[in-house]
Amino acid sequence: MPTIRHLLFAGLLAVLFVPAVVAADEAAVDVATLEAELRAAETAFAKSMADRDLAAFTSFLAEDAVFFGGRGILRGREAVAAGWARFFEGDTAPFAWAPQDVAVLASGQLGLSSGPVTAPDGSPSGFFTSTWRRTADGRWEIILDRGCPPCE
């Protein structure tokens, strides 16, 4: 029959080993796989523009997304979607983008994608950087985005 001393010792062991288990779980994150998933998410996000699909574009936005642009800062999914709706008018996308660099934190919770933006004729027209957050269900959503003129 366990005594108070045994129960206290078992409780102490549990407290001491919980951080080790959490740290081991964080170390077990396969960053390369998550980076491949994030690259695929960014590619699908860019495809929404090529496909002229504003609903698909919007599905990648976090509820609290913040986009920086020439017309100021757009805050929140609805504001970003409304601000970008003009880019989805017409049959031809006004620009395209593709991930060049992708990185994910060791925690697996945040990632960054960046790369060139091109005009319809393929010429460089800018550069984008997007910060993504991994949701509890493993889906990637954009939380911050900024475009700028082409980098030198």
N, C-alpha and C. Protein backbone atom coordinates (compact mmCIF):
# COMPACT_ATOMS: atom_id res chain seq x y z
N MET A 1 0.84 -1.17 0.00
CA MET A 1 0.00 0.00 0.00
C MET A 1 0.90 1.24 0.00
N PRO A 2 0.61 2.20 -0.92
CA PRO A 2 1.47 3.38 -1.00
C PRO A 2 1.31 4.28 0.23
N THR A 3 2.42 4.79 0.64
CA THR A 3 2.40 5.73 1.77
C THR A 3 2.42 7.15 1.21
N ILE A 4 2.25 8.10 2.09
CA ILE A 4 2.31 9.51 1.69
C ILE A 4 3.66 9.80 1.06
N ARG A 5 4.73 9.23 1.61
CA ARG A 5 6.07 9.45 1.08
C ARG A 5 6.15 8.95 -0.37
N HIS A 6 5.60 7.76 -0.65
CA HIS A 6 5.62 7.22 -2.01
C HIS A 6 4.83 8.13 -2.97
N LEU A 7 3.68 8.62 -2.54
CA LEU A 7 2.86 9.48 -3.38
C LEU A 7 3.56 10.81 -3.66
N LEU A 8 4.20 11.36 -2.63
CA LEU A 8 4.93 12.61 -2.82
C LEU A 8 6.10 12.42 -3.78
N PHE A 9 6.81 11.30 -3.63
CA PHE A 9 7.94 11.00 -4.51
C PHE A 9 7.46 10.83 -5.95
N ALA A 10 6.36 10.12 -6.15
CA ALA A 10 5.80 9.93 -7.49
C ALA A 10 5.38 11.27 -8.08
N GLY A 11 4.78 12.14 -7.28
CA GLY A 11 4.38 13.47 -7.75
C GLY A 11 5.58 14.31 -8.13
N LEU A 12 6.64 14.23 -7.34
CA LEU A 12 7.86 14.97 -7.64
C LEU A 12 8.47 14.49 -8.95
N LEU A 13 8.52 13.18 -9.16
CA LEU A 13 9.04 12.64 -10.41
C LEU A 13 8.21 13.13 -11.60
N ALA A 14 6.91 13.14 -11.45
CA ALA A 14 6.04 13.60 -12.54
C ALA A 14 6.34 15.05 -12.89
N VAL A 15 6.49 15.90 -11.90
CA VAL A 15 6.77 17.32 -12.13
C VAL A 15 8.13 17.48 -12.80
N LEU A 16 9.12 16.72 -12.36
CA LEU A 16 10.46 16.85 -12.92
C LEU A 16 10.55 16.35 -14.35
N PHE A 17 9.79 15.34 -14.72
CA PHE A 17 9.91 14.76 -16.05
C PHE A 17 8.94 15.32 -17.07
N VAL A 18 7.94 16.08 -16.69
CA VAL A 18 7.02 16.67 -17.66
C VAL A 18 7.75 17.62 -18.60
N PRO A 19 8.60 18.55 -18.10
CA PRO A 19 9.31 19.42 -19.04
C PRO A 19 10.18 18.64 -20.03
N ALA A 20 10.79 17.55 -19.60
CA ALA A 20 11.61 16.75 -20.50
C ALA A 20 10.78 16.13 -21.61
N VAL A 21 9.59 15.68 -21.27
CA VAL A 21 8.71 15.10 -22.28
C VAL A 21 8.27 16.17 -23.27
N VAL A 22 7.89 17.36 -22.79
CA VAL A 22 7.49 18.45 -23.67
C VAL A 22 8.64 18.84 -24.58
N ALA A 23 9.85 18.96 -24.03
CA ALA A 23 11.01 19.31 -24.83
C ALA A 23 11.28 18.25 -25.88
N ALA A 24 11.12 16.98 -25.52
CA ALA A 24 11.35 15.91 -26.49
C ALA A 24 10.32 15.98 -27.61
N ASP A 25 9.06 16.32 -27.30
CA ASP A 25 8.04 16.45 -28.33
C ASP A 25 8.38 17.59 -29.28
N GLU A 26 8.85 18.72 -28.73
CA GLU A 26 9.23 19.84 -29.59
C GLU A 26 10.41 19.47 -30.48
N ALA A 27 11.36 18.72 -29.94
CA ALA A 27 12.51 18.30 -30.72
C ALA A 27 12.11 17.32 -31.81
N ALA A 28 11.01 16.62 -31.62
CA ALA A 28 10.57 15.62 -32.58
C ALA A 28 9.88 16.24 -33.80
N VAL A 29 9.67 17.56 -33.80
CA VAL A 29 9.05 18.23 -34.94
C VAL A 29 9.94 18.04 -36.16
N ASP A 30 9.35 17.57 -37.23
CA ASP A 30 10.08 17.38 -38.48
C ASP A 30 9.99 18.67 -39.28
N VAL A 31 10.96 19.54 -39.10
CA VAL A 31 10.95 20.87 -39.72
C VAL A 31 10.93 20.75 -41.25
N ALA A 32 11.66 19.82 -41.81
CA ALA A 32 11.69 19.68 -43.27
C ALA A 32 10.30 19.35 -43.82
N THR A 33 9.57 18.49 -43.14
CA THR A 33 8.21 18.15 -43.58
C THR A 33 7.30 19.36 -43.46
N LEU A 34 7.41 20.09 -42.35
CA LEU A 34 6.58 21.28 -42.17
C LEU A 34 6.92 22.35 -43.20
N GLU A 35 8.19 22.48 -43.54
CA GLU A 35 8.56 23.45 -44.57
C GLU A 35 7.99 23.05 -45.93
N ALA A 36 7.97 21.76 -46.22
CA ALA A 36 7.35 21.31 -47.47
C ALA A 36 5.85 21.59 -47.46
N GLU A 37 5.20 21.38 -46.32
CA GLU A 37 3.77 21.69 -46.20
C GLU A 37 3.52 23.18 -46.38
N LEU A 38 4.37 24.00 -45.77
CA LEU A 38 4.21 25.45 -45.89
C LEU A 38 4.44 25.90 -47.34
N ARG A 39 5.43 25.34 -48.01
CA ARG A 39 5.68 25.67 -49.42
C ARG A 39 4.45 25.32 -50.25
N ALA A 40 3.85 24.16 -49.97
CA ALA A 40 2.64 23.74 -50.70
C ALA A 40 1.48 24.70 -50.41
N ALA A 41 1.36 25.15 -49.16
CA ALA A 41 0.30 26.10 -48.80
C ALA A 41 0.50 27.42 -49.54
N GLU A 42 1.72 27.92 -49.56
CA GLU A 42 1.99 29.18 -50.26
C GLU A 42 1.73 29.03 -51.76
N THR A 43 2.10 27.90 -52.32
CA THR A 43 1.87 27.65 -53.75
C THR A 43 0.37 27.60 -54.04
N ALA A 44 -0.40 26.96 -53.18
CA ALA A 44 -1.86 26.90 -53.35
C ALA A 44 -2.47 28.28 -53.18
N PHE A 45 -1.94 29.06 -52.25
CA PHE A 45 -2.41 30.42 -52.04
C PHE A 45 -2.19 31.24 -53.32
N ALA A 46 -1.01 31.15 -53.90
CA ALA A 46 -0.70 31.86 -55.15
C ALA A 46 -1.60 31.37 -56.29
N LYS A 47 -1.90 30.09 -56.31
CA LYS A 47 -2.76 29.53 -57.36
C LYS A 47 -4.16 30.12 -57.29
N SER A 48 -4.61 30.51 -56.09
CA SER A 48 -5.93 31.13 -55.97
C SER A 48 -6.01 32.41 -56.81
N MET A 49 -4.92 33.14 -56.92
CA MET A 49 -4.88 34.35 -57.76
C MET A 49 -4.94 33.95 -59.23
N ALA A 50 -4.13 32.99 -59.62
CA ALA A 50 -4.13 32.54 -61.01
C ALA A 50 -5.49 31.98 -61.42
N ASP A 51 -6.15 31.31 -60.48
CA ASP A 51 -7.46 30.72 -60.75
C ASP A 51 -8.59 31.74 -60.64
N ARG A 52 -8.26 32.97 -60.18
CA ARG A 52 -9.26 34.04 -60.01
C ARG A 52 -10.30 33.65 -58.98
N ASP A 53 -9.85 33.04 -57.87
CA ASP A 53 -10.74 32.48 -56.86
C ASP A 53 -10.53 33.20 -55.52
N LEU A 54 -11.29 34.27 -55.33
CA LEU A 54 -11.16 35.07 -54.10
C LEU A 54 -11.54 34.26 -52.86
N ALA A 55 -12.52 33.37 -52.98
CA ALA A 55 -12.91 32.55 -51.82
C ALA A 55 -11.76 31.65 -51.39
N ALA A 56 -11.06 31.05 -52.35
CA ALA A 56 -9.90 30.21 -52.02
C ALA A 56 -8.80 31.06 -51.38
N PHE A 57 -8.55 32.24 -51.94
CA PHE A 57 -7.57 33.17 -51.39
C PHE A 57 -7.90 33.46 -49.92
N THR A 58 -9.15 33.80 -49.68
CA THR A 58 -9.60 34.16 -48.33
C THR A 58 -9.45 33.01 -47.35
N SER A 59 -9.58 31.78 -47.83
CA SER A 59 -9.50 30.62 -46.94
C SER A 59 -8.11 30.45 -46.31
N PHE A 60 -7.10 31.08 -46.88
CA PHE A 60 -5.75 31.00 -46.32
C PHE A 60 -5.47 32.07 -45.28
N LEU A 61 -6.37 33.03 -45.14
CA LEU A 61 -6.14 34.16 -44.24
C LEU A 61 -6.58 33.83 -42.82
N ALA A 62 -5.73 34.15 -41.85
CA ALA A 62 -6.12 34.05 -40.44
C ALA A 62 -7.18 35.10 -40.16
N GLU A 63 -7.99 34.83 -39.19
CA GLU A 63 -9.02 35.81 -38.80
C GLU A 63 -8.39 37.15 -38.45
N ASP A 64 -7.20 37.13 -37.84
CA ASP A 64 -6.52 38.35 -37.41
C ASP A 64 -5.37 38.75 -38.33
N ALA A 65 -5.42 38.34 -39.60
CA ALA A 65 -4.35 38.64 -40.56
C ALA A 65 -4.13 40.14 -40.70
N VAL A 66 -2.88 40.51 -40.97
CA VAL A 66 -2.51 41.90 -41.23
C VAL A 66 -1.69 41.91 -42.52
N PHE A 67 -2.17 42.68 -43.51
CA PHE A 67 -1.48 42.83 -44.78
C PHE A 67 -1.05 44.29 -44.94
N PHE A 68 0.23 44.48 -45.29
CA PHE A 68 0.77 45.80 -45.56
C PHE A 68 0.74 46.00 -47.07
N GLY A 69 0.33 47.16 -47.52
CA GLY A 69 0.28 47.41 -48.95
C GLY A 69 0.34 48.88 -49.27
N GLY A 70 0.26 49.19 -50.56
CA GLY A 70 0.34 50.56 -51.03
C GLY A 70 -0.79 51.45 -50.54
N ARG A 71 -1.90 50.85 -50.18
CA ARG A 71 -3.04 51.63 -49.70
C ARG A 71 -3.15 51.60 -48.17
N GLY A 72 -2.12 51.18 -47.50
CA GLY A 72 -2.12 51.16 -46.04
C GLY A 72 -2.18 49.74 -45.50
N ILE A 73 -2.49 49.64 -44.24
CA ILE A 73 -2.53 48.35 -43.55
C ILE A 73 -3.97 47.84 -43.52
N LEU A 74 -4.14 46.59 -43.90
CA LEU A 74 -5.44 45.93 -43.83
C LEU A 74 -5.40 44.97 -42.65
N ARG A 75 -6.37 45.09 -41.75
CA ARG A 75 -6.40 44.28 -40.54
C ARG A 75 -7.63 43.39 -40.52
N GLY A 76 -7.41 42.08 -40.44
CA GLY A 76 -8.49 41.12 -40.34
C GLY A 76 -8.83 40.49 -41.69
N ARG A 77 -9.30 39.25 -41.63
CA ARG A 77 -9.62 38.48 -42.84
C ARG A 77 -10.55 39.25 -43.78
N GLU A 78 -11.63 39.80 -43.24
CA GLU A 78 -12.62 40.48 -44.09
C GLU A 78 -12.03 41.71 -44.77
N ALA A 79 -11.25 42.49 -44.03
CA ALA A 79 -10.64 43.69 -44.61
C ALA A 79 -9.62 43.32 -45.70
N VAL A 80 -8.84 42.28 -45.46
CA VAL A 80 -7.86 41.85 -46.47
C VAL A 80 -8.59 41.37 -47.72
N ALA A 81 -9.60 40.54 -47.54
CA ALA A 81 -10.35 40.03 -48.70
C ALA A 81 -10.99 41.18 -49.47
N ALA A 82 -11.57 42.14 -48.77
CA ALA A 82 -12.19 43.29 -49.45
C ALA A 82 -11.14 44.12 -50.17
N GLY A 83 -9.99 44.33 -49.52
CA GLY A 83 -8.92 45.12 -50.12
C GLY A 83 -8.29 44.45 -51.33
N TRP A 84 -8.28 43.14 -51.36
CA TRP A 84 -7.69 42.39 -52.46
C TRP A 84 -8.70 42.02 -53.55
N ALA A 85 -9.97 42.22 -53.32
CA ALA A 85 -11.00 41.83 -54.29
C ALA A 85 -10.73 42.41 -55.68
N ARG A 86 -10.21 43.63 -55.75
CA ARG A 86 -9.94 44.27 -57.04
C ARG A 86 -8.92 43.51 -57.87
N PHE A 87 -8.02 42.78 -57.21
CA PHE A 87 -7.02 41.99 -57.93
C PHE A 87 -7.63 40.74 -58.57
N PHE A 88 -8.83 40.41 -58.18
CA PHE A 88 -9.49 39.21 -58.71
C PHE A 88 -10.49 39.54 -59.81
N GLU A 89 -10.58 40.81 -60.17
CA GLU A 89 -11.47 41.21 -61.26
C GLU A 89 -10.79 40.91 -62.59
N GLY A 90 -11.56 40.56 -63.57
CA GLY A 90 -11.01 40.27 -64.90
C GLY A 90 -10.55 38.84 -65.04
N ASP A 91 -10.23 38.50 -66.27
CA ASP A 91 -9.85 37.11 -66.59
C ASP A 91 -8.38 36.81 -66.35
N THR A 92 -7.56 37.85 -66.31
CA THR A 92 -6.12 37.65 -66.17
C THR A 92 -5.63 38.23 -64.85
N ALA A 93 -4.85 37.46 -64.14
CA ALA A 93 -4.29 37.93 -62.87
C ALA A 93 -3.33 39.09 -63.13
N PRO A 94 -3.37 40.14 -62.32
CA PRO A 94 -2.48 41.28 -62.53
C PRO A 94 -1.04 41.00 -62.10
N PHE A 95 -0.84 39.94 -61.38
CA PHE A 95 0.51 39.53 -60.95
C PHE A 95 0.44 38.10 -60.46
N ALA A 96 1.62 37.52 -60.26
CA ALA A 96 1.74 36.16 -59.73
C ALA A 96 2.90 36.15 -58.75
N TRP A 97 2.93 35.14 -57.91
CA TRP A 97 4.05 35.00 -56.98
C TRP A 97 4.32 33.53 -56.74
N ALA A 98 5.51 33.24 -56.23
CA ALA A 98 5.89 31.86 -55.93
C ALA A 98 6.89 31.88 -54.78
N PRO A 99 6.78 30.88 -53.89
CA PRO A 99 7.73 30.84 -52.77
C PRO A 99 9.14 30.50 -53.25
N GLN A 100 10.08 31.29 -52.84
CA GLN A 100 11.49 31.03 -53.13
C GLN A 100 12.15 30.46 -51.87
N ASP A 101 11.93 31.14 -50.76
CA ASP A 101 12.49 30.73 -49.48
C ASP A 101 11.36 30.40 -48.51
N VAL A 102 11.51 29.31 -47.79
CA VAL A 102 10.54 28.89 -46.78
C VAL A 102 11.31 28.42 -45.56
N ALA A 103 10.88 28.87 -44.38
CA ALA A 103 11.50 28.43 -43.13
C ALA A 103 10.42 28.30 -42.07
N VAL A 104 10.59 27.30 -41.20
CA VAL A 104 9.66 27.05 -40.10
C VAL A 104 10.46 27.00 -38.81
N LEU A 105 9.93 27.62 -37.75
CA LEU A 105 10.58 27.55 -36.45
C LEU A 105 10.65 26.11 -35.96
N ALA A 106 11.60 25.82 -35.10
CA ALA A 106 11.76 24.47 -34.54
C ALA A 106 10.51 24.03 -33.78
N SER A 107 9.74 24.98 -33.27
CA SER A 107 8.50 24.63 -32.56
C SER A 107 7.43 24.13 -33.52
N GLY A 108 7.59 24.44 -34.82
CA GLY A 108 6.62 24.04 -35.82
C GLY A 108 5.38 24.91 -35.85
N GLN A 109 5.36 26.00 -35.10
CA GLN A 109 4.15 26.83 -34.99
C GLN A 109 4.11 28.02 -35.94
N LEU A 110 5.27 28.55 -36.32
CA LEU A 110 5.33 29.71 -37.21
C LEU A 110 6.27 29.44 -38.36
N GLY A 111 5.95 30.03 -39.51
CA GLY A 111 6.80 29.87 -40.67
C GLY A 111 6.81 31.14 -41.49
N LEU A 112 7.78 31.24 -42.37
CA LEU A 112 7.91 32.39 -43.25
C LEU A 112 8.12 31.90 -44.67
N SER A 113 7.46 32.56 -45.60
CA SER A 113 7.69 32.29 -47.02
C SER A 113 7.95 33.63 -47.70
N SER A 114 8.83 33.62 -48.69
CA SER A 114 9.13 34.84 -49.42
C SER A 114 9.57 34.47 -50.82
N GLY A 115 9.42 35.44 -51.70
CA GLY A 115 9.83 35.18 -53.08
C GLY A 115 9.41 36.29 -54.01
N PRO A 116 9.67 36.08 -55.30
CA PRO A 116 9.40 37.10 -56.29
C PRO A 116 7.92 37.21 -56.66
N VAL A 117 7.54 38.42 -57.02
CA VAL A 117 6.24 38.70 -57.60
C VAL A 117 6.51 39.10 -59.05
N THR A 118 5.73 38.58 -59.98
CA THR A 118 5.96 38.86 -61.39
C THR A 118 4.71 39.45 -62.04
N ALA A 119 4.94 40.27 -63.05
CA ALA A 119 3.88 40.84 -63.86
C ALA A 119 3.35 39.74 -64.79
N PRO A 120 2.22 39.99 -65.45
CA PRO A 120 1.67 38.98 -66.37
C PRO A 120 2.65 38.52 -67.45
N ASP A 121 3.58 39.39 -67.86
CA ASP A 121 4.55 39.00 -68.88
C ASP A 121 5.76 38.26 -68.30
N GLY A 122 5.76 38.05 -66.97
CA GLY A 122 6.84 37.32 -66.31
C GLY A 122 7.96 38.19 -65.79
N SER A 123 7.91 39.48 -66.05
CA SER A 123 8.97 40.37 -65.58
C SER A 123 8.81 40.62 -64.08
N PRO A 124 9.92 40.86 -63.38
CA PRO A 124 9.85 41.11 -61.93
C PRO A 124 9.04 42.37 -61.63
N SER A 125 8.16 42.27 -60.66
CA SER A 125 7.39 43.45 -60.27
C SER A 125 7.39 43.67 -58.76
N GLY A 126 7.96 42.75 -58.01
CA GLY A 126 7.99 42.92 -56.57
C GLY A 126 8.54 41.71 -55.86
N PHE A 127 8.41 41.74 -54.55
CA PHE A 127 8.88 40.67 -53.69
C PHE A 127 7.92 40.59 -52.52
N PHE A 128 7.57 39.41 -52.08
CA PHE A 128 6.64 39.27 -50.95
C PHE A 128 7.31 38.53 -49.81
N THR A 129 6.82 38.80 -48.62
CA THR A 129 7.20 38.07 -47.42
C THR A 129 5.92 37.82 -46.63
N SER A 130 5.66 36.56 -46.32
CA SER A 130 4.46 36.19 -45.56
C SER A 130 4.85 35.39 -44.33
N THR A 131 4.21 35.70 -43.22
CA THR A 131 4.38 34.94 -41.99
C THR A 131 3.13 34.10 -41.80
N TRP A 132 3.33 32.83 -41.53
CA TRP A 132 2.24 31.86 -41.41
C TRP A 132 2.22 31.28 -40.00
N ARG A 133 1.03 30.92 -39.55
CA ARG A 133 0.85 30.27 -38.25
C ARG A 133 0.20 28.91 -38.51
N ARG A 134 0.70 27.90 -37.82
CA ARG A 134 0.13 26.56 -37.94
C ARG A 134 -0.99 26.42 -36.92
N THR A 135 -2.17 26.04 -37.40
CA THR A 135 -3.34 25.92 -36.52
C THR A 135 -3.31 24.59 -35.78
N ALA A 136 -4.19 24.46 -34.82
CA ALA A 136 -4.25 23.23 -34.02
C ALA A 136 -4.52 22.00 -34.88
N ASP A 137 -5.23 22.19 -35.99
CA ASP A 137 -5.52 21.04 -36.87
C ASP A 137 -4.44 20.84 -37.94
N GLY A 138 -3.32 21.58 -37.85
CA GLY A 138 -2.18 21.38 -38.74
C GLY A 138 -2.23 22.18 -40.03
N ARG A 139 -3.23 23.02 -40.18
CA ARG A 139 -3.37 23.85 -41.38
C ARG A 139 -2.53 25.11 -41.21
N TRP A 140 -1.96 25.62 -42.30
CA TRP A 140 -1.20 26.87 -42.26
C TRP A 140 -2.10 28.03 -42.66
N GLU A 141 -2.04 29.14 -41.90
CA GLU A 141 -2.80 30.34 -42.23
C GLU A 141 -1.87 31.55 -42.17
N ILE A 142 -2.12 32.51 -43.05
CA ILE A 142 -1.29 33.71 -43.11
C ILE A 142 -1.70 34.67 -42.01
N ILE A 143 -0.69 35.17 -41.27
CA ILE A 143 -0.98 36.16 -40.24
C ILE A 143 -0.41 37.53 -40.60
N LEU A 144 0.70 37.58 -41.33
CA LEU A 144 1.31 38.84 -41.74
C LEU A 144 1.79 38.71 -43.18
N ASP A 145 1.61 39.77 -43.95
CA ASP A 145 2.07 39.75 -45.34
C ASP A 145 2.52 41.15 -45.74
N ARG A 146 3.61 41.19 -46.50
CA ARG A 146 4.10 42.48 -47.00
C ARG A 146 4.74 42.28 -48.35
N GLY A 147 4.35 43.11 -49.28
CA GLY A 147 4.99 43.14 -50.59
C GLY A 147 5.81 44.40 -50.71
N CYS A 148 6.78 44.36 -51.60
CA CYS A 148 7.62 45.53 -51.83
C CYS A 148 8.16 45.48 -53.26
N PRO A 149 8.79 46.55 -53.74
CA PRO A 149 9.40 46.52 -55.07
C PRO A 149 10.44 45.40 -55.14
N PRO A 150 10.83 45.03 -56.36
CA PRO A 150 11.84 43.96 -56.50
C PRO A 150 13.09 44.25 -55.69
N CYS A 151 13.62 43.21 -55.06
CA CYS A 151 14.87 43.35 -54.31
C CYS A 151 16.04 43.38 -55.28
N GLU A 152 17.07 44.09 -54.88
CA GLU A 152 18.26 44.17 -55.74
C GLU A 152 19.10 42.93 -55.55
